[in-house]
Amino acid sequence: MVEQRKEMLKFLFRLSRKFFETMKQPKKFGTDSLLYSSEIHTLDMIGKHPGITVTELADRQGIFKSALPKVIHKLIQKDLVYRYQETGNKKNILLELTDKGRIAVQQHFEFHETFDNGIMKKINSLTPEEYLFLSDILQELDQYIDHMEQQE
């Protein structure tokens, strides 16, 4: 039984690495450019909030403002975003998606619909007892990892 539990732990680590690697891989999302996770999620946020400023974008993504100029510059070069100055306030730079950017955001949404639906099919097939059991384990693992991070 001890060996089976060790194998389950190995499987859990393998699964988490696989998931991370899948999400980390750049994809074209219906465009001619490879887009990294940080780029497509920045596009997604700009799409949800047209005319957003860099400061607002950083706040909404929970990242430092200094992390965005490089990503935004790449998105402009790839013709996915355009920036413009607010009328009457030359300090504020606003961001919006281009048509190509909107295609990428739509394709990203469709990617998640397909990917997430595959996982949801399995989750939906669980009995209420199985679901609660799995949910409890995942929550406990999440709390354990949070606790371990705080110990560092």
C-alpha atoms as a PDB file:
ATOM      1  CA  MET A   1       0.000   0.000   0.000  1.00  0.00           C
ATOM      2  CA  VAL A   2       2.896   2.395   0.737  1.00  0.00           C
ATOM      3  CA  GLU A   3       4.240   1.935  -2.797  1.00  0.00           C
ATOM      4  CA  GLN A   4       0.809   2.643  -4.288  1.00  0.00           C
ATOM      5  CA  ARG A   5       0.598   5.889  -2.334  1.00  0.00           C
ATOM      6  CA  LYS A   6       4.062   6.913  -3.501  1.00  0.00           C
ATOM      7  CA  GLU A   7       2.980   6.188  -7.076  1.00  0.00           C
ATOM      8  CA  MET A   8      -0.120   8.340  -6.563  1.00  0.00           C
ATOM      9  CA  LEU A   9       2.073  11.202  -5.363  1.00  0.00           C
ATOM     10  CA  LYS A  10       4.347  10.813  -8.406  1.00  0.00           C
ATOM     11  CA  PHE A  11       1.264  10.818 -10.616  1.00  0.00           C
ATOM     12  CA  LEU A  12      -0.042  13.993  -8.955  1.00  0.00           C
ATOM     13  CA  PHE A  13       3.288  15.754  -9.541  1.00  0.00           C
ATOM     14  CA  ARG A  14       3.396  14.514 -13.146  1.00  0.00           C
ATOM     15  CA  LEU A  15      -0.150  15.742 -13.733  1.00  0.00           C
ATOM     16  CA  SER A  16       0.595  19.191 -12.306  1.00  0.00           C
ATOM     17  CA  ARG A  17       3.777  19.498 -14.436  1.00  0.00           C
ATOM     18  CA  LYS A  18       1.860  18.392 -17.530  1.00  0.00           C
ATOM     19  CA  PHE A  19      -0.870  20.941 -16.892  1.00  0.00           C
ATOM     20  CA  PHE A  20       1.677  23.713 -16.294  1.00  0.00           C
ATOM     21  CA  GLU A  21       3.619  22.812 -19.449  1.00  0.00           C
ATOM     22  CA  THR A  22       0.431  22.698 -21.542  1.00  0.00           C
ATOM     23  CA  MET A  23      -0.646  26.133 -20.362  1.00  0.00           C
ATOM     24  CA  LYS A  24       2.884  27.537 -20.739  1.00  0.00           C
ATOM     25  CA  GLN A  25       3.303  26.533 -24.401  1.00  0.00           C
ATOM     26  CA  PRO A  26       2.819  29.458 -26.795  1.00  0.00           C
ATOM     27  CA  LYS A  27      -0.070  29.099 -29.236  1.00  0.00           C
ATOM     28  CA  LYS A  28      -1.174  31.091 -32.273  1.00  0.00           C
ATOM     29  CA  PHE A  29      -4.826  31.509 -31.238  1.00  0.00           C
ATOM     30  CA  GLY A  30      -5.960  32.114 -34.820  1.00  0.00           C
ATOM     31  CA  THR A  31      -3.178  34.595 -35.633  1.00  0.00           C
ATOM     32  CA  ASP A  32       0.167  34.338 -37.409  1.00  0.00           C
ATOM     33  CA  SER A  33       2.083  34.995 -34.166  1.00  0.00           C
ATOM     34  CA  LEU A  34       2.906  32.697 -31.289  1.00  0.00           C
ATOM     35  CA  LEU A  35       1.435  34.102 -28.105  1.00  0.00           C
ATOM     36  CA  TYR A  36       2.741  33.289 -24.656  1.00  0.00           C
ATOM     37  CA  SER A  37       0.491  32.952 -21.634  1.00  0.00           C
ATOM     38  CA  SER A  38       1.344  36.434 -20.337  1.00  0.00           C
ATOM     39  CA  GLU A  39       0.536  37.916 -23.759  1.00  0.00           C
ATOM     40  CA  ILE A  40      -2.811  36.189 -24.304  1.00  0.00           C
ATOM     41  CA  HIS A  41      -3.949  36.952 -20.751  1.00  0.00           C
ATOM     42  CA  THR A  42      -2.964  40.595 -21.211  1.00  0.00           C
ATOM     43  CA  LEU A  43      -4.941  40.640 -24.478  1.00  0.00           C
ATOM     44  CA  ASP A  44      -7.888  39.074 -22.705  1.00  0.00           C
ATOM     45  CA  MET A  45      -7.854  41.773 -20.020  1.00  0.00           C
ATOM     46  CA  ILE A  46      -7.568  44.573 -22.608  1.00  0.00           C
ATOM     47  CA  GLY A  47     -10.473  42.996 -24.513  1.00  0.00           C
ATOM     48  CA  LYS A  48     -12.625  42.985 -21.394  1.00  0.00           C
ATOM     49  CA  HIS A  49     -11.712  46.611 -20.603  1.00  0.00           C
ATOM     50  CA  PRO A  50     -11.225  48.620 -23.833  1.00  0.00           C
ATOM     51  CA  GLY A  51      -9.432  51.896 -23.173  1.00  0.00           C
ATOM     52  CA  ILE A  52      -7.672  50.509 -20.099  1.00  0.00           C
ATOM     53  CA  THR A  53      -4.512  52.244 -18.878  1.00  0.00           C
ATOM     54  CA  VAL A  54      -1.270  50.425 -18.103  1.00  0.00           C
ATOM     55  CA  THR A  55      -1.749  51.128 -14.388  1.00  0.00           C
ATOM     56  CA  GLU A  56      -5.288  49.698 -14.420  1.00  0.00           C
ATOM     57  CA  LEU A  57      -4.092  46.715 -16.419  1.00  0.00           C
ATOM     58  CA  ALA A  58      -1.339  45.961 -13.903  1.00  0.00           C
ATOM     59  CA  ASP A  59      -3.803  46.294 -11.015  1.00  0.00           C
ATOM     60  CA  ARG A  60      -6.364  43.982 -12.636  1.00  0.00           C
ATOM     61  CA  GLN A  61      -3.704  41.368 -13.427  1.00  0.00           C
ATOM     62  CA  GLY A  62      -2.119  41.618  -9.990  1.00  0.00           C
ATOM     63  CA  ILE A  63       1.336  42.377 -11.381  1.00  0.00           C
ATOM     64  CA  PHE A  64       3.796  45.252 -11.177  1.00  0.00           C
ATOM     65  CA  LYS A  65       3.338  48.047 -13.693  1.00  0.00           C
ATOM     66  CA  SER A  66       7.007  47.656 -14.687  1.00  0.00           C
ATOM     67  CA  ALA A  67       6.280  44.148 -16.016  1.00  0.00           C
ATOM     68  CA  LEU A  68       3.901  45.404 -18.718  1.00  0.00           C
ATOM     69  CA  PRO A  69       5.782  47.694 -21.144  1.00  0.00           C
ATOM     70  CA  LYS A  70       7.725  44.816 -22.707  1.00  0.00           C
ATOM     71  CA  VAL A  71       4.576  42.688 -23.132  1.00  0.00           C
ATOM     72  CA  ILE A  72       2.582  45.612 -24.528  1.00  0.00           C
ATOM     73  CA  HIS A  73       5.396  46.493 -26.941  1.00  0.00           C
ATOM     74  CA  LYS A  74       5.381  42.904 -28.279  1.00  0.00           C
ATOM     75  CA  LEU A  75       1.602  42.957 -28.651  1.00  0.00           C
ATOM     76  CA  ILE A  76       1.791  46.229 -30.596  1.00  0.00           C
ATOM     77  CA  GLN A  77       4.526  44.792 -32.831  1.00  0.00           C
ATOM     78  CA  LYS A  78       2.340  41.746 -33.492  1.00  0.00           C
ATOM     79  CA  ASP A  79      -0.529  44.108 -34.455  1.00  0.00           C
ATOM     80  CA  LEU A  80      -2.762  42.804 -31.665  1.00  0.00           C
ATOM     81  CA  VAL A  81      -3.055  46.000 -29.609  1.00  0.00           C
ATOM     82  CA  TYR A  82      -2.927  49.680 -30.331  1.00  0.00           C
ATOM     83  CA  ARG A  83      -2.357  52.480 -27.901  1.00  0.00           C
ATOM     84  CA  TYR A  84      -3.518  56.047 -27.972  1.00  0.00           C
ATOM     85  CA  GLN A  85      -3.534  59.114 -25.772  1.00  0.00           C
ATOM     86  CA  GLU A  86      -6.611  60.152 -23.894  1.00  0.00           C
ATOM     87  CA  THR A  87      -8.181  63.304 -25.298  1.00  0.00           C
ATOM     88  CA  GLY A  88      -7.227  66.214 -23.083  1.00  0.00           C
ATOM     89  CA  ASN A  89      -4.778  64.141 -21.011  1.00  0.00           C
ATOM     90  CA  LYS A  90      -1.571  63.307 -22.824  1.00  0.00           C
ATOM     91  CA  LYS A  91      -0.235  61.470 -19.763  1.00  0.00           C
ATOM     92  CA  ASN A  92      -2.792  58.678 -19.993  1.00  0.00           C
ATOM     93  CA  ILE A  93      -1.999  56.012 -22.573  1.00  0.00           C
ATOM     94  CA  LEU A  94      -5.012  53.836 -23.346  1.00  0.00           C
ATOM     95  CA  LEU A  95      -4.985  50.345 -24.858  1.00  0.00           C
ATOM     96  CA  GLU A  96      -7.426  48.571 -27.166  1.00  0.00           C
ATOM     97  CA  LEU A  97      -7.419  45.423 -29.257  1.00  0.00           C
ATOM     98  CA  THR A  98      -7.018  45.420 -33.005  1.00  0.00           C
ATOM     99  CA  ASP A  99      -9.204  43.126 -35.118  1.00  0.00           C
ATOM    100  CA  LYS A 100      -6.390  40.580 -34.980  1.00  0.00           C
ATOM    101  CA  GLY A 101      -6.286  40.932 -31.187  1.00  0.00           C
ATOM    102  CA  ARG A 102     -10.019  40.270 -30.976  1.00  0.00           C
ATOM    103  CA  ILE A 103      -9.546  37.073 -33.025  1.00  0.00           C
ATOM    104  CA  ALA A 104      -6.821  35.905 -30.625  1.00  0.00           C
ATOM    105  CA  VAL A 105      -9.022  36.568 -27.590  1.00  0.00           C
ATOM    106  CA  GLN A 106     -11.941  34.703 -29.189  1.00  0.00           C
ATOM    107  CA  GLN A 107      -9.695  31.733 -30.058  1.00  0.00           C
ATOM    108  CA  HIS A 108      -8.308  31.738 -26.501  1.00  0.00           C
ATOM    109  CA  PHE A 109     -11.876  31.608 -25.171  1.00  0.00           C
ATOM    110  CA  GLU A 110     -12.662  28.687 -27.512  1.00  0.00           C
ATOM    111  CA  PHE A 111      -9.470  26.881 -26.455  1.00  0.00           C
ATOM    112  CA  HIS A 112     -10.560  27.084 -22.825  1.00  0.00           C
ATOM    113  CA  GLU A 113     -14.112  26.040 -23.677  1.00  0.00           C
ATOM    114  CA  THR A 114     -12.772  22.833 -25.262  1.00  0.00           C
ATOM    115  CA  PHE A 115     -10.057  22.180 -22.685  1.00  0.00           C
ATOM    116  CA  ASP A 116     -12.237  22.962 -19.679  1.00  0.00           C
ATOM    117  CA  ASN A 117     -15.243  21.037 -21.032  1.00  0.00           C
ATOM    118  CA  GLY A 118     -13.147  17.874 -21.291  1.00  0.00           C
ATOM    119  CA  ILE A 119     -12.224  18.144 -17.627  1.00  0.00           C
ATOM    120  CA  MET A 120     -15.755  19.147 -16.605  1.00  0.00           C
ATOM    121  CA  LYS A 121     -17.161  15.999 -18.272  1.00  0.00           C
ATOM    122  CA  LYS A 122     -15.128  13.896 -15.884  1.00  0.00           C
ATOM    123  CA  ILE A 123     -16.001  16.038 -12.863  1.00  0.00           C
ATOM    124  CA  ASN A 124     -19.702  15.924 -13.778  1.00  0.00           C
ATOM    125  CA  SER A 125     -19.571  12.120 -13.940  1.00  0.00           C
ATOM    126  CA  LEU A 126     -18.637  11.905 -10.247  1.00  0.00           C
ATOM    127  CA  THR A 127     -21.242  10.947  -7.689  1.00  0.00           C
ATOM    128  CA  PRO A 128     -21.934  13.660  -5.080  1.00  0.00           C
ATOM    129  CA  GLU A 129     -19.879  11.652  -2.564  1.00  0.00           C
ATOM    130  CA  GLU A 130     -16.946  11.278  -4.967  1.00  0.00           C
ATOM    131  CA  TYR A 131     -17.123  14.956  -5.795  1.00  0.00           C
ATOM    132  CA  LEU A 132     -17.047  16.008  -2.127  1.00  0.00           C
ATOM    133  CA  PHE A 133     -14.196  13.594  -1.414  1.00  0.00           C
ATOM    134  CA  LEU A 134     -12.101  14.906  -4.321  1.00  0.00           C
ATOM    135  CA  SER A 135     -12.967  18.514  -3.511  1.00  0.00           C
ATOM    136  CA  ASP A 136     -11.877  18.060   0.108  1.00  0.00           C
ATOM    137  CA  ILE A 137      -8.561  16.514  -0.928  1.00  0.00           C
ATOM    138  CA  LEU A 138      -7.818  19.277  -3.438  1.00  0.00           C
ATOM    139  CA  GLN A 139      -8.658  21.994  -0.904  1.00  0.00           C
ATOM    140  CA  GLU A 140      -6.434  20.365   1.714  1.00  0.00           C
ATOM    141  CA  LEU A 141      -3.564  20.091  -0.778  1.00  0.00           C
ATOM    142  CA  ASP A 142      -4.028  23.743  -1.709  1.00  0.00           C
ATOM    143  CA  GLN A 143      -3.905  24.769   1.948  1.00  0.00           C
ATOM    144  CA  TYR A 144      -0.868  22.553   2.551  1.00  0.00           C
ATOM    145  CA  ILE A 145       1.031  24.178  -0.331  1.00  0.00           C
ATOM    146  CA  ASP A 146       0.079  27.659   0.929  1.00  0.00           C
ATOM    147  CA  HIS A 147       1.355  26.680   4.374  1.00  0.00           C
ATOM    148  CA  MET A 148       4.635  25.353   2.936  1.00  0.00           C
ATOM    149  CA  GLU A 149       5.163  28.568   0.938  1.00  0.00           C
ATOM    150  CA  GLN A 150       4.758  30.610   4.133  1.00  0.00           C
ATOM    151  CA  GLN A 151       7.451  28.507   5.833  1.00  0.00           C
ATOM    152  CA  GLU A 152      10.135  29.640   3.372  1.00  0.00           C
END
